[in-house]
Amino acid sequence: MYAAELLANYMEHVVAQRANMSDADWKIWNRFLHETLSLAPVVRGFLRSRRGWYSAELVSMSDKVEQQAVLNDK
């Protein structure tokens, strides 16, 4: 869980820096965030259990990836 928290904190920092990025840079980081969340169900669970700790943007991104993962499992 500590590793999940570290990764979630790093991802939160990336989201917080969005305003300081060019559109091209954000596109790359956004892909990183989505792909990382899709490969890390423990991180998604961590974010789900601690919604109040993180930005609405990151939590929403994680929720969307989780919904897609559920659909893919069916």
PDB file of N, CA and C in Angstrom:
ATOM      1  N   MET A   1       0.814  -1.193   0.000  1.00  0.00           N
ATOM      2  CA  MET A   1       0.000   0.000   0.000  1.00  0.00           C
ATOM      3  C   MET A   1       0.862   1.263   0.000  1.00  0.00           C
ATOM      4  N   TYR A   2       2.048   1.192   0.611  1.00  0.00           N
ATOM      5  CA  TYR A   2       2.924   2.366   0.585  1.00  0.00           C
ATOM      6  C   TYR A   2       3.355   2.704  -0.836  1.00  0.00           C
ATOM      7  N   ALA A   3       3.641   1.679  -1.619  1.00  0.00           N
ATOM      8  CA  ALA A   3       4.027   1.918  -3.016  1.00  0.00           C
ATOM      9  C   ALA A   3       2.851   2.520  -3.789  1.00  0.00           C
ATOM     10  N   ALA A   4       1.641   2.061  -3.522  1.00  0.00           N
ATOM     11  CA  ALA A   4       0.460   2.625  -4.178  1.00  0.00           C
ATOM     12  C   ALA A   4       0.295   4.091  -3.805  1.00  0.00           C
ATOM     13  N   GLU A   5       0.520   4.398  -2.531  1.00  0.00           N
ATOM     14  CA  GLU A   5       0.411   5.789  -2.087  1.00  0.00           C
ATOM     15  C   GLU A   5       1.474   6.662  -2.746  1.00  0.00           C
ATOM     16  N   LEU A   6       2.689   6.172  -2.842  1.00  0.00           N
ATOM     17  CA  LEU A   6       3.756   6.932  -3.501  1.00  0.00           C
ATOM     18  C   LEU A   6       3.405   7.224  -4.957  1.00  0.00           C
ATOM     19  N   LEU A   7       2.915   6.221  -5.649  1.00  0.00           N
ATOM     20  CA  LEU A   7       2.547   6.417  -7.054  1.00  0.00           C
ATOM     21  C   LEU A   7       1.358   7.370  -7.182  1.00  0.00           C
ATOM     22  N   ALA A   8       0.374   7.230  -6.316  1.00  0.00           N
ATOM     23  CA  ALA A   8      -0.781   8.134  -6.343  1.00  0.00           C
ATOM     24  C   ALA A   8      -0.337   9.574  -6.067  1.00  0.00           C
ATOM     25  N   ASN A   9       0.571   9.761  -5.126  1.00  0.00           N
ATOM     26  CA  ASN A   9       1.070  11.103  -4.830  1.00  0.00           C
ATOM     27  C   ASN A   9       1.824  11.687  -6.025  1.00  0.00           C
ATOM     28  N   TYR A  10       2.616  10.867  -6.683  1.00  0.00           N
ATOM     29  CA  TYR A  10       3.338  11.326  -7.864  1.00  0.00           C
ATOM     30  C   TYR A  10       2.362  11.727  -8.968  1.00  0.00           C
ATOM     31  N   MET A  11       1.346  10.893  -9.163  1.00  0.00           N
ATOM     32  CA  MET A  11       0.350  11.184 -10.187  1.00  0.00           C
ATOM     33  C   MET A  11      -0.415  12.464  -9.851  1.00  0.00           C
ATOM     34  N   GLU A  12      -0.701  12.667  -8.581  1.00  0.00           N
ATOM     35  CA  GLU A  12      -1.368  13.891  -8.154  1.00  0.00           C
ATOM     36  C   GLU A  12      -0.505  15.116  -8.476  1.00  0.00           C
ATOM     37  N   HIS A  13       0.783  14.993  -8.272  1.00  0.00           N
ATOM     38  CA  HIS A  13       1.696  16.099  -8.585  1.00  0.00           C
ATOM     39  C   HIS A  13       1.677  16.398 -10.091  1.00  0.00           C
ATOM     40  N   VAL A  14       1.658  15.368 -10.908  1.00  0.00           N
ATOM     41  CA  VAL A  14       1.587  15.567 -12.364  1.00  0.00           C
ATOM     42  C   VAL A  14       0.305  16.311 -12.722  1.00  0.00           C
ATOM     43  N   VAL A  15      -0.817  15.890 -12.167  1.00  0.00           N
ATOM     44  CA  VAL A  15      -2.095  16.559 -12.444  1.00  0.00           C
ATOM     45  C   VAL A  15      -2.037  18.016 -11.984  1.00  0.00           C
ATOM     46  N   ALA A  16      -1.443  18.257 -10.822  1.00  0.00           N
ATOM     47  CA  ALA A  16      -1.362  19.625 -10.288  1.00  0.00           C
ATOM     48  C   ALA A  16      -0.500  20.531 -11.163  1.00  0.00           C
ATOM     49  N   GLN A  17       0.428  19.964 -11.907  1.00  0.00           N
ATOM     50  CA  GLN A  17       1.324  20.747 -12.757  1.00  0.00           C
ATOM     51  C   GLN A  17       0.775  20.961 -14.162  1.00  0.00           C
ATOM     52  N   ARG A  18      -0.416  20.483 -14.430  1.00  0.00           N
ATOM     53  CA  ARG A  18      -0.999  20.562 -15.767  1.00  0.00           C
ATOM     54  C   ARG A  18      -0.969  21.995 -16.329  1.00  0.00           C
ATOM     55  N   ALA A  19      -1.296  22.977 -15.516  1.00  0.00           N
ATOM     56  CA  ALA A  19      -1.340  24.376 -15.986  1.00  0.00           C
ATOM     57  C   ALA A  19       0.035  24.870 -16.435  1.00  0.00           C
ATOM     58  N   ASN A  20       1.086  24.227 -15.979  1.00  0.00           N
ATOM     59  CA  ASN A  20       2.449  24.632 -16.337  1.00  0.00           C
ATOM     60  C   ASN A  20       2.992  23.890 -17.555  1.00  0.00           C
ATOM     61  N   MET A  21       2.152  23.066 -18.164  1.00  0.00           N
ATOM     62  CA  MET A  21       2.597  22.250 -19.297  1.00  0.00           C
ATOM     63  C   MET A  21       2.007  22.752 -20.607  1.00  0.00           C
ATOM     64  N   SER A  22       2.739  22.519 -21.659  1.00  0.00           N
ATOM     65  CA  SER A  22       2.184  22.764 -22.991  1.00  0.00           C
ATOM     66  C   SER A  22       1.145  21.676 -23.285  1.00  0.00           C
ATOM     67  N   ASP A  23       0.326  21.908 -24.277  1.00  0.00           N
ATOM     68  CA  ASP A  23      -0.665  20.892 -24.661  1.00  0.00           C
ATOM     69  C   ASP A  23       0.014  19.586 -25.058  1.00  0.00           C
ATOM     70  N   ALA A  24       1.124  19.701 -25.761  1.00  0.00           N
ATOM     71  CA  ALA A  24       1.848  18.494 -26.192  1.00  0.00           C
ATOM     72  C   ALA A  24       2.383  17.724 -24.987  1.00  0.00           C
ATOM     73  N   ASP A  25       2.940  18.434 -24.012  1.00  0.00           N
ATOM     74  CA  ASP A  25       3.446  17.763 -22.811  1.00  0.00           C
ATOM     75  C   ASP A  25       2.310  17.118 -22.031  1.00  0.00           C
ATOM     76  N   TRP A  26       1.181  17.836 -21.877  1.00  0.00           N
ATOM     77  CA  TRP A  26       0.052  17.262 -21.138  1.00  0.00           C
ATOM     78  C   TRP A  26      -0.463  16.009 -21.829  1.00  0.00           C
ATOM     79  N   LYS A  27      -0.485  16.005 -23.152  1.00  0.00           N
ATOM     80  CA  LYS A  27      -0.952  14.831 -23.889  1.00  0.00           C
ATOM     81  C   LYS A  27      -0.115  13.600 -23.512  1.00  0.00           C
ATOM     82  N   ILE A  28       1.180  13.781 -23.423  1.00  0.00           N
ATOM     83  CA  ILE A  28       2.075  12.672 -23.063  1.00  0.00           C
ATOM     84  C   ILE A  28       1.842  12.235 -21.621  1.00  0.00           C
ATOM     85  N   TRP A  29       1.768  13.204 -20.701  1.00  0.00           N
ATOM     86  CA  TRP A  29       1.560  12.878 -19.287  1.00  0.00           C
ATOM     87  C   TRP A  29       0.185  12.269 -19.063  1.00  0.00           C
ATOM     88  N   ASN A  30      -0.820  12.753 -19.781  1.00  0.00           N
ATOM     89  CA  ASN A  30      -2.163  12.198 -19.652  1.00  0.00           C
ATOM     90  C   ASN A  30      -2.166  10.729 -20.070  1.00  0.00           C
ATOM     91  N   ARG A  31      -1.459  10.427 -21.132  1.00  0.00           N
ATOM     92  CA  ARG A  31      -1.333   9.024 -21.570  1.00  0.00           C
ATOM     93  C   ARG A  31      -0.638   8.193 -20.494  1.00  0.00           C
ATOM     94  N   PHE A  32       0.433   8.736 -19.900  1.00  0.00           N
ATOM     95  CA  PHE A  32       1.129   8.056 -18.802  1.00  0.00           C
ATOM     96  C   PHE A  32       0.161   7.761 -17.653  1.00  0.00           C
ATOM     97  N   LEU A  33      -0.622   8.774 -17.257  1.00  0.00           N
ATOM     98  CA  LEU A  33      -1.556   8.599 -16.143  1.00  0.00           C
ATOM     99  C   LEU A  33      -2.572   7.507 -16.444  1.00  0.00           C
ATOM    100  N   HIS A  34      -3.182   7.557 -17.623  1.00  0.00           N
ATOM    101  CA  HIS A  34      -4.195   6.562 -17.986  1.00  0.00           C
ATOM    102  C   HIS A  34      -3.609   5.154 -18.088  1.00  0.00           C
ATOM    103  N   GLU A  35      -2.453   5.034 -18.725  1.00  0.00           N
ATOM    104  CA  GLU A  35      -1.854   3.709 -18.875  1.00  0.00           C
ATOM    105  C   GLU A  35      -1.397   3.156 -17.528  1.00  0.00           C
ATOM    106  N   THR A  36      -0.848   4.011 -16.686  1.00  0.00           N
ATOM    107  CA  THR A  36      -0.419   3.565 -15.362  1.00  0.00           C
ATOM    108  C   THR A  36      -1.623   3.105 -14.549  1.00  0.00           C
ATOM    109  N   LEU A  37      -2.690   3.903 -14.555  1.00  0.00           N
ATOM    110  CA  LEU A  37      -3.896   3.501 -13.822  1.00  0.00           C
ATOM    111  C   LEU A  37      -4.482   2.200 -14.371  1.00  0.00           C
ATOM    112  N   SER A  38      -4.425   2.018 -15.671  1.00  0.00           N
ATOM    113  CA  SER A  38      -4.991   0.789 -16.245  1.00  0.00           C
ATOM    114  C   SER A  38      -4.184  -0.448 -15.851  1.00  0.00           C
ATOM    115  N   LEU A  39      -2.903  -0.265 -15.570  1.00  0.00           N
ATOM    116  CA  LEU A  39      -2.033  -1.387 -15.192  1.00  0.00           C
ATOM    117  C   LEU A  39      -1.884  -1.558 -13.681  1.00  0.00           C
ATOM    118  N   ALA A  40      -2.524  -0.678 -12.906  1.00  0.00           N
ATOM    119  CA  ALA A  40      -2.300  -0.670 -11.459  1.00  0.00           C
ATOM    120  C   ALA A  40      -3.619  -0.685 -10.677  1.00  0.00           C
ATOM    121  N   PRO A  41      -4.283  -1.835 -10.603  1.00  0.00           N
ATOM    122  CA  PRO A  41      -5.547  -1.892  -9.872  1.00  0.00           C
ATOM    123  C   PRO A  41      -5.405  -1.551  -8.386  1.00  0.00           C
ATOM    124  N   VAL A  42      -4.262  -1.818  -7.804  1.00  0.00           N
ATOM    125  CA  VAL A  42      -4.054  -1.481  -6.385  1.00  0.00           C
ATOM    126  C   VAL A  42      -4.055   0.037  -6.200  1.00  0.00           C
ATOM    127  N   VAL A  43      -3.461   0.761  -7.136  1.00  0.00           N
ATOM    128  CA  VAL A  43      -3.462   2.228  -7.068  1.00  0.00           C
ATOM    129  C   VAL A  43      -4.886   2.744  -7.244  1.00  0.00           C
ATOM    130  N   ARG A  44      -5.645   2.170  -8.173  1.00  0.00           N
ATOM    131  CA  ARG A  44      -7.040   2.583  -8.338  1.00  0.00           C
ATOM    132  C   ARG A  44      -7.827   2.346  -7.060  1.00  0.00           C
ATOM    133  N   GLY A  45      -7.606   1.219  -6.422  1.00  0.00           N
ATOM    134  CA  GLY A  45      -8.290   0.928  -5.159  1.00  0.00           C
ATOM    135  C   GLY A  45      -7.880   1.892  -4.067  1.00  0.00           C
ATOM    136  N   PHE A  46      -6.605   2.230  -4.030  1.00  0.00           N
ATOM    137  CA  PHE A  46      -6.116   3.197  -3.043  1.00  0.00           C
ATOM    138  C   PHE A  46      -6.787   4.545  -3.247  1.00  0.00           C
ATOM    139  N   LEU A  47      -6.853   5.005  -4.490  1.00  0.00           N
ATOM    140  CA  LEU A  47      -7.503   6.281  -4.784  1.00  0.00           C
ATOM    141  C   LEU A  47      -8.991   6.231  -4.441  1.00  0.00           C
ATOM    142  N   ARG A  48      -9.618   5.112  -4.710  1.00  0.00           N
ATOM    143  CA  ARG A  48     -11.048   4.965  -4.420  1.00  0.00           C
ATOM    144  C   ARG A  48     -11.298   5.047  -2.917  1.00  0.00           C
ATOM    145  N   SER A  49     -10.404   4.477  -2.127  1.00  0.00           N
ATOM    146  CA  SER A  49     -10.603   4.454  -0.672  1.00  0.00           C
ATOM    147  C   SER A  49     -10.193   5.756   0.012  1.00  0.00           C
ATOM    148  N   ARG A  50      -9.501   6.628  -0.714  1.00  0.00           N
ATOM    149  CA  ARG A  50      -9.029   7.890  -0.129  1.00  0.00           C
ATOM    150  C   ARG A  50      -9.357   9.068  -1.049  1.00  0.00           C
ATOM    151  N   ARG A  51     -10.587   9.082  -1.526  1.00  0.00           N
ATOM    152  CA  ARG A  51     -11.037  10.093  -2.491  1.00  0.00           C
ATOM    153  C   ARG A  51     -10.787  11.515  -2.014  1.00  0.00           C
ATOM    154  N   GLY A  52     -10.933  11.764  -0.743  1.00  0.00           N
ATOM    155  CA  GLY A  52     -10.769  13.109  -0.210  1.00  0.00           C
ATOM    156  C   GLY A  52      -9.336  13.602  -0.176  1.00  0.00           C
ATOM    157  N   TRP A  53      -8.396  12.723  -0.367  1.00  0.00           N
ATOM    158  CA  TRP A  53      -6.984  13.103  -0.322  1.00  0.00           C
ATOM    159  C   TRP A  53      -6.480  13.665  -1.645  1.00  0.00           C
ATOM    160  N   TYR A  54      -7.174  13.359  -2.737  1.00  0.00           N
ATOM    161  CA  TYR A  54      -6.660  13.660  -4.069  1.00  0.00           C
ATOM    162  C   TYR A  54      -7.631  14.535  -4.851  1.00  0.00           C
ATOM    163  N   SER A  55      -7.121  15.151  -5.901  1.00  0.00           N
ATOM    164  CA  SER A  55      -7.936  16.051  -6.719  1.00  0.00           C
ATOM    165  C   SER A  55      -9.070  15.283  -7.390  1.00  0.00           C
ATOM    166  N   ALA A  56     -10.144  16.009  -7.633  1.00  0.00           N
ATOM    167  CA  ALA A  56     -11.289  15.417  -8.322  1.00  0.00           C
ATOM    168  C   ALA A  56     -10.878  14.910  -9.703  1.00  0.00           C
ATOM    169  N   GLU A  57      -9.945  15.605 -10.336  1.00  0.00           N
ATOM    170  CA  GLU A  57      -9.504  15.202 -11.676  1.00  0.00           C
ATOM    171  C   GLU A  57      -8.834  13.825 -11.661  1.00  0.00           C
ATOM    172  N   LEU A  58      -7.925  13.607 -10.715  1.00  0.00           N
ATOM    173  CA  LEU A  58      -7.240  12.318 -10.648  1.00  0.00           C
ATOM    174  C   LEU A  58      -8.208  11.210 -10.249  1.00  0.00           C
ATOM    175  N   VAL A  59      -9.068  11.473  -9.288  1.00  0.00           N
ATOM    176  CA  VAL A  59     -10.034  10.467  -8.850  1.00  0.00           C
ATOM    177  C   VAL A  59     -10.986  10.115  -9.995  1.00  0.00           C
ATOM    178  N   SER A  60     -11.440  11.112 -10.722  1.00  0.00           N
ATOM    179  CA  SER A  60     -12.327  10.872 -11.857  1.00  0.00           C
ATOM    180  C   SER A  60     -11.622  10.045 -12.933  1.00  0.00           C
ATOM    181  N   MET A  61     -10.373  10.368 -13.195  1.00  0.00           N
ATOM    182  CA  MET A  61      -9.594   9.624 -14.182  1.00  0.00           C
ATOM    183  C   MET A  61      -9.495   8.154 -13.752  1.00  0.00           C
ATOM    184  N   SER A  62      -9.215   7.933 -12.488  1.00  0.00           N
ATOM    185  CA  SER A  62      -9.103   6.578 -11.956  1.00  0.00           C
ATOM    186  C   SER A  62     -10.437   5.846 -12.044  1.00  0.00           C
ATOM    187  N   ASP A  63     -11.525   6.540 -11.716  1.00  0.00           N
ATOM    188  CA  ASP A  63     -12.855   5.932 -11.802  1.00  0.00           C
ATOM    189  C   ASP A  63     -13.185   5.501 -13.225  1.00  0.00           C
ATOM    190  N   LYS A  64     -12.846   6.332 -14.195  1.00  0.00           N
ATOM    191  CA  LYS A  64     -13.122   5.997 -15.601  1.00  0.00           C
ATOM    192  C   LYS A  64     -12.317   4.778 -16.039  1.00  0.00           C
ATOM    193  N   VAL A  65     -11.064   4.721 -15.622  1.00  0.00           N
ATOM    194  CA  VAL A  65     -10.228   3.565 -15.960  1.00  0.00           C
ATOM    195  C   VAL A  65     -10.793   2.308 -15.293  1.00  0.00           C
ATOM    196  N   GLU A  66     -11.248   2.442 -14.043  1.00  0.00           N
ATOM    197  CA  GLU A  66     -11.843   1.309 -13.329  1.00  0.00           C
ATOM    198  C   GLU A  66     -13.109   0.822 -14.029  1.00  0.00           C
ATOM    199  N   GLN A  67     -13.957   1.735 -14.463  1.00  0.00           N
ATOM    200  CA  GLN A  67     -15.180   1.360 -15.179  1.00  0.00           C
ATOM    201  C   GLN A  67     -14.847   0.606 -16.456  1.00  0.00           C
ATOM    202  N   GLN A  68     -13.820   1.060 -17.161  1.00  0.00           N
ATOM    203  CA  GLN A  68     -13.410   0.386 -18.393  1.00  0.00           C
ATOM    204  C   GLN A  68     -12.864  -1.007 -18.078  1.00  0.00           C
ATOM    205  N   ALA A  69     -12.111  -1.138 -17.003  1.00  0.00           N
ATOM    206  CA  ALA A  69     -11.568  -2.436 -16.612  1.00  0.00           C
ATOM    207  C   ALA A  69     -12.693  -3.411 -16.283  1.00  0.00           C
ATOM    208  N   VAL A  70     -13.732  -2.933 -15.611  1.00  0.00           N
ATOM    209  CA  VAL A  70     -14.878  -3.774 -15.282  1.00  0.00           C
ATOM    210  C   VAL A  70     -15.575  -4.232 -16.558  1.00  0.00           C
ATOM    211  N   LEU A  71     -15.764  -3.307 -17.503  1.00  0.00           N
ATOM    212  CA  LEU A  71     -16.402  -3.661 -18.777  1.00  0.00           C
ATOM    213  C   LEU A  71     -15.568  -4.682 -19.549  1.00  0.00           C
ATOM    214  N   ASN A  72     -14.262  -4.531 -19.510  1.00  0.00           N
ATOM    215  CA  ASN A  72     -13.378  -5.467 -20.225  1.00  0.00           C
ATOM    216  C   ASN A  72     -13.393  -6.861 -19.609  1.00  0.00           C
ATOM    217  N   ASP A  73     -13.683  -6.944 -18.300  1.00  0.00           N
ATOM    218  CA  ASP A  73     -13.719  -8.236 -17.619  1.00  0.00           C
ATOM    219  C   ASP A  73     -14.995  -9.021 -17.926  1.00  0.00           C
ATOM    220  N   LYS A  74     -16.000  -8.337 -18.444  1.00  0.00           N
ATOM    221  CA  LYS A  74     -17.284  -9.011 -18.717  1.00  0.00           C
ATOM    222  C   LYS A  74     -17.250  -9.767 -20.016  1.00  0.00           C
TER     223      LYS A  74
END
